[in-house]
């Protein structure tokens, strides 16, 4: 699971502004909690992007996964 998320994040970070924009639909989404270990620098990058674009790290992660793996979502 962690590698799937890392690939999605790397793909999403090629255009961080577009990722942040698409993350808005995932703000406040509730669901099951999951733990993903990310390198500290990657987590910091996501926190900075989230703060700059008034979104959350959770929303960025969900947007990245949905954009990279549309077949996984229903």
PDB file of N, CA and C in Angstrom:
ATOM      1  N   UNK A   1       0.820  -1.197   0.000  1.00  0.00           N
ATOM      2  CA  UNK A   1       0.000   0.000   0.000  1.00  0.00           C
ATOM      3  C   UNK A   1       0.861   1.257   0.000  1.00  0.00           C
ATOM      4  N   UNK A   2       1.924   1.239   0.788  1.00  0.00           N
ATOM      5  CA  UNK A   2       2.764   2.429   0.876  1.00  0.00           C
ATOM      6  C   UNK A   2       3.364   2.781  -0.477  1.00  0.00           C
ATOM      7  N   UNK A   3       3.819   1.802  -1.229  1.00  0.00           N
ATOM      8  CA  UNK A   3       4.412   2.080  -2.544  1.00  0.00           C
ATOM      9  C   UNK A   3       3.366   2.645  -3.492  1.00  0.00           C
ATOM     10  N   UNK A   4       2.160   2.140  -3.446  1.00  0.00           N
ATOM     11  CA  UNK A   4       1.063   2.654  -4.268  1.00  0.00           C
ATOM     12  C   UNK A   4       0.852   4.138  -3.980  1.00  0.00           C
ATOM     13  N   UNK A   5       0.862   4.501  -2.711  1.00  0.00           N
ATOM     14  CA  UNK A   5       0.663   5.898  -2.317  1.00  0.00           C
ATOM     15  C   UNK A   5       1.851   6.744  -2.748  1.00  0.00           C
ATOM     16  N   UNK A   6       3.056   6.237  -2.579  1.00  0.00           N
ATOM     17  CA  UNK A   6       4.244   7.005  -2.978  1.00  0.00           C
ATOM     18  C   UNK A   6       4.252   7.285  -4.476  1.00  0.00           C
ATOM     19  N   UNK A   7       3.871   6.302  -5.269  1.00  0.00           N
ATOM     20  CA  UNK A   7       3.800   6.505  -6.719  1.00  0.00           C
ATOM     21  C   UNK A   7       2.750   7.563  -7.048  1.00  0.00           C
ATOM     22  N   UNK A   8       1.614   7.482  -6.397  1.00  0.00           N
ATOM     23  CA  UNK A   8       0.544   8.458  -6.636  1.00  0.00           C
ATOM     24  C   UNK A   8       0.991   9.863  -6.252  1.00  0.00           C
ATOM     25  N   UNK A   9       1.686   9.990  -5.130  1.00  0.00           N
ATOM     26  CA  UNK A   9       2.165  11.304  -4.698  1.00  0.00           C
ATOM     27  C   UNK A   9       3.192  11.840  -5.684  1.00  0.00           C
ATOM     28  N   UNK A  10       4.140  11.011  -6.084  1.00  0.00           N
ATOM     29  CA  UNK A  10       5.160  11.450  -7.040  1.00  0.00           C
ATOM     30  C   UNK A  10       4.511  11.930  -8.328  1.00  0.00           C
ATOM     31  N   UNK A  11       3.515  11.200  -8.793  1.00  0.00           N
ATOM     32  CA  UNK A  11       2.787  11.596  -9.996  1.00  0.00           C
ATOM     33  C   UNK A  11       2.063  12.921  -9.767  1.00  0.00           C
ATOM     34  N   UNK A  12       1.414  13.043  -8.622  1.00  0.00           N
ATOM     35  CA  UNK A  12       0.669  14.263  -8.309  1.00  0.00           C
ATOM     36  C   UNK A  12       1.554  15.479  -8.164  1.00  0.00           C
ATOM     37  N   UNK A  13       2.754  15.296  -7.641  1.00  0.00           N
ATOM     38  CA  UNK A  13       3.647  16.426  -7.415  1.00  0.00           C
ATOM     39  C   UNK A  13       4.264  16.970  -8.694  1.00  0.00           C
ATOM     40  N   UNK A  14       4.057  16.298  -9.820  1.00  0.00           N
ATOM     41  CA  UNK A  14       4.532  16.866 -11.084  1.00  0.00           C
ATOM     42  C   UNK A  14       3.773  18.149 -11.399  1.00  0.00           C
ATOM     43  N   UNK A  15       2.575  18.295 -10.851  1.00  0.00           N
ATOM     44  CA  UNK A  15       1.797  19.531 -10.966  1.00  0.00           C
ATOM     45  C   UNK A  15       1.065  19.739  -9.641  1.00  0.00           C
ATOM     46  N   UNK A  16       1.797  20.269  -8.666  1.00  0.00           N
ATOM     47  CA  UNK A  16       1.272  20.402  -7.308  1.00  0.00           C
ATOM     48  C   UNK A  16       0.030  21.286  -7.250  1.00  0.00           C
ATOM     49  N   UNK A  17      -0.011  22.339  -8.057  1.00  0.00           N
ATOM     50  CA  UNK A  17      -1.176  23.229  -8.036  1.00  0.00           C
ATOM     51  C   UNK A  17      -2.430  22.501  -8.515  1.00  0.00           C
ATOM     52  N   UNK A  18      -2.296  21.693  -9.552  1.00  0.00           N
ATOM     53  CA  UNK A  18      -3.448  20.925 -10.049  1.00  0.00           C
ATOM     54  C   UNK A  18      -3.872  19.880  -9.027  1.00  0.00           C
ATOM     55  N   UNK A  19      -2.903  19.259  -8.366  1.00  0.00           N
ATOM     56  CA  UNK A  19      -3.229  18.289  -7.324  1.00  0.00           C
ATOM     57  C   UNK A  19      -3.986  18.973  -6.192  1.00  0.00           C
ATOM     58  N   UNK A  20      -3.512  20.137  -5.779  1.00  0.00           N
ATOM     59  CA  UNK A  20      -4.181  20.873  -4.705  1.00  0.00           C
ATOM     60  C   UNK A  20      -5.601  21.253  -5.106  1.00  0.00           C
ATOM     61  N   UNK A  21      -5.766  21.673  -6.345  1.00  0.00           N
ATOM     62  CA  UNK A  21      -7.107  22.041  -6.817  1.00  0.00           C
ATOM     63  C   UNK A  21      -8.038  20.828  -6.794  1.00  0.00           C
ATOM     64  N   UNK A  22      -7.559  19.691  -7.255  1.00  0.00           N
ATOM     65  CA  UNK A  22      -8.412  18.501  -7.274  1.00  0.00           C
ATOM     66  C   UNK A  22      -8.637  17.940  -5.872  1.00  0.00           C
ATOM     67  N   UNK A  23      -7.799  18.328  -4.918  1.00  0.00           N
ATOM     68  CA  UNK A  23      -7.958  17.827  -3.548  1.00  0.00           C
ATOM     69  C   UNK A  23      -9.158  18.439  -2.842  1.00  0.00           C
ATOM     70  N   UNK A  24      -9.641  19.557  -3.331  1.00  0.00           N
ATOM     71  CA  UNK A  24     -10.757  20.241  -2.654  1.00  0.00           C
ATOM     72  C   UNK A  24     -11.978  19.344  -2.504  1.00  0.00           C
ATOM     73  N   UNK A  25     -12.228  18.496  -3.470  1.00  0.00           N
ATOM     74  CA  UNK A  25     -13.398  17.613  -3.385  1.00  0.00           C
ATOM     75  C   UNK A  25     -13.255  16.563  -2.292  1.00  0.00           C
ATOM     76  N   UNK A  26     -12.040  16.386  -1.775  1.00  0.00           N
ATOM     77  CA  UNK A  26     -11.802  15.379  -0.748  1.00  0.00           C
ATOM     78  C   UNK A  26     -11.649  15.969   0.655  1.00  0.00           C
ATOM     79  N   UNK A  27     -11.799  17.276   0.779  1.00  0.00           N
ATOM     80  CA  UNK A  27     -11.696  17.893   2.097  1.00  0.00           C
ATOM     81  C   UNK A  27     -12.865  17.447   2.964  1.00  0.00           C
ATOM     82  N   UNK A  28     -12.558  17.016   4.159  1.00  0.00           N
ATOM     83  CA  UNK A  28     -13.589  16.607   5.096  1.00  0.00           C
ATOM     84  C   UNK A  28     -14.198  15.247   4.838  1.00  0.00           C
ATOM     85  N   UNK A  29     -13.630  14.498   3.903  1.00  0.00           N
ATOM     86  CA  UNK A  29     -14.148  13.164   3.599  1.00  0.00           C
ATOM     87  C   UNK A  29     -13.847  12.247   4.782  1.00  0.00           C
ATOM     88  N   UNK A  30     -14.863  11.533   5.226  1.00  0.00           N
ATOM     89  CA  UNK A  30     -14.631  10.583   6.311  1.00  0.00           C
ATOM     90  C   UNK A  30     -14.465   9.186   5.728  1.00  0.00           C
ATOM     91  N   UNK A  31     -13.858   8.337   6.471  1.00  0.00           N
ATOM     92  CA  UNK A  31     -13.640   6.970   6.004  1.00  0.00           C
ATOM     93  C   UNK A  31     -12.818   6.198   7.008  1.00  0.00           C
ATOM     94  N   UNK A  32     -12.248   5.135   6.571  1.00  0.00           N
ATOM     95  CA  UNK A  32     -11.408   4.301   7.430  1.00  0.00           C
ATOM     96  C   UNK A  32     -10.019   4.910   7.540  1.00  0.00           C
ATOM     97  N   UNK A  33      -9.454   4.821   8.708  1.00  0.00           N
ATOM     98  CA  UNK A  33      -8.109   5.345   8.931  1.00  0.00           C
ATOM     99  C   UNK A  33      -7.081   4.315   8.475  1.00  0.00           C
ATOM    100  N   UNK A  34      -6.022   4.802   7.864  1.00  0.00           N
ATOM    101  CA  UNK A  34      -4.935   3.946   7.422  1.00  0.00           C
ATOM    102  C   UNK A  34      -3.626   4.664   7.714  1.00  0.00           C
ATOM    103  N   UNK A  35      -2.596   3.922   7.959  1.00  0.00           N
ATOM    104  CA  UNK A  35      -1.292   4.510   8.242  1.00  0.00           C
ATOM    105  C   UNK A  35      -0.356   4.232   7.078  1.00  0.00           C
ATOM    106  N   UNK A  36       0.291   5.280   6.607  1.00  0.00           N
ATOM    107  CA  UNK A  36       1.268   5.157   5.535  1.00  0.00           C
ATOM    108  C   UNK A  36       2.540   5.847   6.008  1.00  0.00           C
ATOM    109  N   UNK A  37       3.644   5.143   5.965  1.00  0.00           N
ATOM    110  CA  UNK A  37       4.925   5.732   6.340  1.00  0.00           C
ATOM    111  C   UNK A  37       5.526   6.419   5.121  1.00  0.00           C
ATOM    112  N   UNK A  38       5.732   7.725   5.250  1.00  0.00           N
ATOM    113  CA  UNK A  38       6.325   8.519   4.180  1.00  0.00           C
ATOM    114  C   UNK A  38       7.654   9.074   4.657  1.00  0.00           C
ATOM    115  N   UNK A  39       8.594   9.261   3.744  1.00  0.00           N
ATOM    116  CA  UNK A  39       9.834   9.929   4.125  1.00  0.00           C
ATOM    117  C   UNK A  39       9.515  11.317   4.685  1.00  0.00           C
ATOM    118  N   UNK A  40      10.283  11.746   5.665  1.00  0.00           N
ATOM    119  CA  UNK A  40      10.016  13.021   6.333  1.00  0.00           C
ATOM    120  C   UNK A  40       9.977  14.189   5.355  1.00  0.00           C
ATOM    121  N   UNK A  41      10.882  14.204   4.383  1.00  0.00           N
ATOM    122  CA  UNK A  41      10.906  15.320   3.434  1.00  0.00           C
ATOM    123  C   UNK A  41       9.664  15.339   2.548  1.00  0.00           C
ATOM    124  N   UNK A  42       9.152  14.182   2.186  1.00  0.00           N
ATOM    125  CA  UNK A  42       7.935  14.114   1.379  1.00  0.00           C
ATOM    126  C   UNK A  42       6.733  14.582   2.188  1.00  0.00           C
ATOM    127  N   UNK A  43       6.657  14.166   3.435  1.00  0.00           N
ATOM    128  CA  UNK A  43       5.560  14.606   4.300  1.00  0.00           C
ATOM    129  C   UNK A  43       5.602  16.121   4.485  1.00  0.00           C
ATOM    130  N   UNK A  44       6.800  16.661   4.671  1.00  0.00           N
ATOM    131  CA  UNK A  44       6.948  18.110   4.826  1.00  0.00           C
ATOM    132  C   UNK A  44       6.505  18.834   3.559  1.00  0.00           C
ATOM    133  N   UNK A  45       6.877  18.310   2.405  1.00  0.00           N
ATOM    134  CA  UNK A  45       6.454  18.902   1.132  1.00  0.00           C
ATOM    135  C   UNK A  45       4.937  18.932   1.030  1.00  0.00           C
ATOM    136  N   UNK A  46       4.293  17.830   1.387  1.00  0.00           N
ATOM    137  CA  UNK A  46       2.830  17.772   1.339  1.00  0.00           C
ATOM    138  C   UNK A  46       2.203  18.764   2.311  1.00  0.00           C
ATOM    139  N   UNK A  47       2.784  18.909   3.501  1.00  0.00           N
ATOM    140  CA  UNK A  47       2.258  19.868   4.474  1.00  0.00           C
ATOM    141  C   UNK A  47       2.370  21.295   3.955  1.00  0.00           C
ATOM    142  N   UNK A  48       3.486  21.610   3.312  1.00  0.00           N
ATOM    143  CA  UNK A  48       3.681  22.953   2.762  1.00  0.00           C
ATOM    144  C   UNK A  48       2.670  23.222   1.648  1.00  0.00           C
ATOM    145  N   UNK A  49       2.500  22.268   0.741  1.00  0.00           N
ATOM    146  CA  UNK A  49       1.530  22.426  -0.348  1.00  0.00           C
ATOM    147  C   UNK A  49       0.129  22.580   0.219  1.00  0.00           C
ATOM    148  N   UNK A  50      -0.209  21.768   1.204  1.00  0.00           N
ATOM    149  CA  UNK A  50      -1.536  21.855   1.825  1.00  0.00           C
ATOM    150  C   UNK A  50      -1.754  23.238   2.430  1.00  0.00           C
ATOM    151  N   UNK A  51      -0.764  23.759   3.132  1.00  0.00           N
ATOM    152  CA  UNK A  51      -0.892  25.083   3.748  1.00  0.00           C
ATOM    153  C   UNK A  51      -0.999  26.182   2.691  1.00  0.00           C
ATOM    154  N   UNK A  52      -0.216  26.084   1.638  1.00  0.00           N
ATOM    155  CA  UNK A  52      -0.231  27.101   0.583  1.00  0.00           C
ATOM    156  C   UNK A  52      -1.555  27.139  -0.169  1.00  0.00           C
ATOM    157  N   UNK A  53      -2.230  25.998  -0.245  1.00  0.00           N
ATOM    158  CA  UNK A  53      -3.449  25.902  -1.050  1.00  0.00           C
ATOM    159  C   UNK A  53      -4.704  25.682  -0.208  1.00  0.00           C
ATOM    160  N   UNK A  54      -4.584  25.902   1.100  1.00  0.00           N
ATOM    161  CA  UNK A  54      -5.723  25.798   2.014  1.00  0.00           C
ATOM    162  C   UNK A  54      -6.469  24.474   1.857  1.00  0.00           C
ATOM    163  N   UNK A  55      -5.715  23.395   1.916  1.00  0.00           N
ATOM    164  CA  UNK A  55      -6.291  22.057   1.859  1.00  0.00           C
ATOM    165  C   UNK A  55      -5.599  21.214   2.926  1.00  0.00           C
ATOM    166  N   UNK A  56      -5.822  19.934   2.933  1.00  0.00           N
ATOM    167  CA  UNK A  56      -5.201  19.067   3.940  1.00  0.00           C
ATOM    168  C   UNK A  56      -4.313  18.025   3.265  1.00  0.00           C
ATOM    169  N   UNK A  57      -3.407  17.470   4.037  1.00  0.00           N
ATOM    170  CA  UNK A  57      -2.561  16.393   3.525  1.00  0.00           C
ATOM    171  C   UNK A  57      -3.439  15.207   3.144  1.00  0.00           C
ATOM    172  N   UNK A  58      -4.438  14.909   3.962  1.00  0.00           N
ATOM    173  CA  UNK A  58      -5.351  13.805   3.653  1.00  0.00           C
ATOM    174  C   UNK A  58      -6.018  14.022   2.299  1.00  0.00           C
ATOM    175  N   UNK A  59      -6.502  15.229   2.044  1.00  0.00           N
ATOM    176  CA  UNK A  59      -7.164  15.517   0.772  1.00  0.00           C
ATOM    177  C   UNK A  59      -6.185  15.401  -0.391  1.00  0.00           C
ATOM    178  N   UNK A  60      -4.943  15.845  -0.188  1.00  0.00           N
ATOM    179  CA  UNK A  60      -3.927  15.705  -1.236  1.00  0.00           C
ATOM    180  C   UNK A  60      -3.665  14.235  -1.547  1.00  0.00           C
ATOM    181  N   UNK A  61      -3.549  13.421  -0.504  1.00  0.00           N
ATOM    182  CA  UNK A  61      -3.306  11.990  -0.709  1.00  0.00           C
ATOM    183  C   UNK A  61      -4.460  11.335  -1.453  1.00  0.00           C
ATOM    184  N   UNK A  62      -5.681  11.641  -1.050  1.00  0.00           N
ATOM    185  CA  UNK A  62      -6.839  11.059  -1.732  1.00  0.00           C
ATOM    186  C   UNK A  62      -6.903  11.498  -3.192  1.00  0.00           C
ATOM    187  N   UNK A  63      -6.640  12.776  -3.442  1.00  0.00           N
ATOM    188  CA  UNK A  63      -6.656  13.271  -4.819  1.00  0.00           C
ATOM    189  C   UNK A  63      -5.581  12.584  -5.653  1.00  0.00           C
ATOM    190  N   UNK A  64      -4.391  12.424  -5.083  1.00  0.00           N
ATOM    191  CA  UNK A  64      -3.297  11.770  -5.810  1.00  0.00           C
ATOM    192  C   UNK A  64      -3.653  10.332  -6.154  1.00  0.00           C
ATOM    193  N   UNK A  65      -4.230   9.620  -5.203  1.00  0.00           N
ATOM    194  CA  UNK A  65      -4.611   8.225  -5.450  1.00  0.00           C
ATOM    195  C   UNK A  65      -5.700   8.150  -6.511  1.00  0.00           C
ATOM    196  N   UNK A  66      -6.704   9.002  -6.407  1.00  0.00           N
ATOM    197  CA  UNK A  66      -7.804   8.981  -7.379  1.00  0.00           C
ATOM    198  C   UNK A  66      -7.330   9.352  -8.779  1.00  0.00           C
ATOM    199  N   UNK A  67      -6.394  10.301  -8.872  1.00  0.00           N
ATOM    200  CA  UNK A  67      -5.892  10.715 -10.188  1.00  0.00           C
ATOM    201  C   UNK A  67      -4.998   9.650 -10.815  1.00  0.00           C
ATOM    202  N   UNK A  68      -4.182   8.996 -10.002  1.00  0.00           N
ATOM    203  CA  UNK A  68      -3.221   8.028 -10.516  1.00  0.00           C
ATOM    204  C   UNK A  68      -3.841   6.667 -10.777  1.00  0.00           C
ATOM    205  N   UNK A  69      -4.798   6.299  -9.951  1.00  0.00           N
ATOM    206  CA  UNK A  69      -5.423   4.974 -10.047  1.00  0.00           C
ATOM    207  C   UNK A  69      -6.949   5.096 -10.136  1.00  0.00           C
ATOM    208  N   UNK A  70      -7.471   5.656 -11.212  1.00  0.00           N
ATOM    209  CA  UNK A  70      -8.928   5.841 -11.301  1.00  0.00           C
ATOM    210  C   UNK A  70      -9.707   4.527 -11.256  1.00  0.00           C
ATOM    211  N   UNK A  71      -9.089   3.431 -11.644  1.00  0.00           N
ATOM    212  CA  UNK A  71      -9.787   2.138 -11.623  1.00  0.00           C
ATOM    213  C   UNK A  71      -9.984   1.597 -10.209  1.00  0.00           C
ATOM    214  N   UNK A  72      -9.251   2.141  -9.235  1.00  0.00           N
ATOM    215  CA  UNK A  72      -9.393   1.682  -7.857  1.00  0.00           C
ATOM    216  C   UNK A  72     -10.597   2.303  -7.162  1.00  0.00           C
ATOM    217  N   UNK A  73     -11.139   3.352  -7.735  1.00  0.00           N
ATOM    218  CA  UNK A  73     -12.235   4.067  -7.088  1.00  0.00           C
ATOM    219  C   UNK A  73     -13.543   3.770  -7.792  1.00  0.00           C
ATOM    220  N   UNK A  74     -14.582   3.793  -7.013  1.00  0.00           N
ATOM    221  CA  UNK A  74     -15.904   3.553  -7.598  1.00  0.00           C
ATOM    222  C   UNK A  74     -16.840   4.675  -7.273  1.00  0.00           C
TER     223      UNK A  74
END
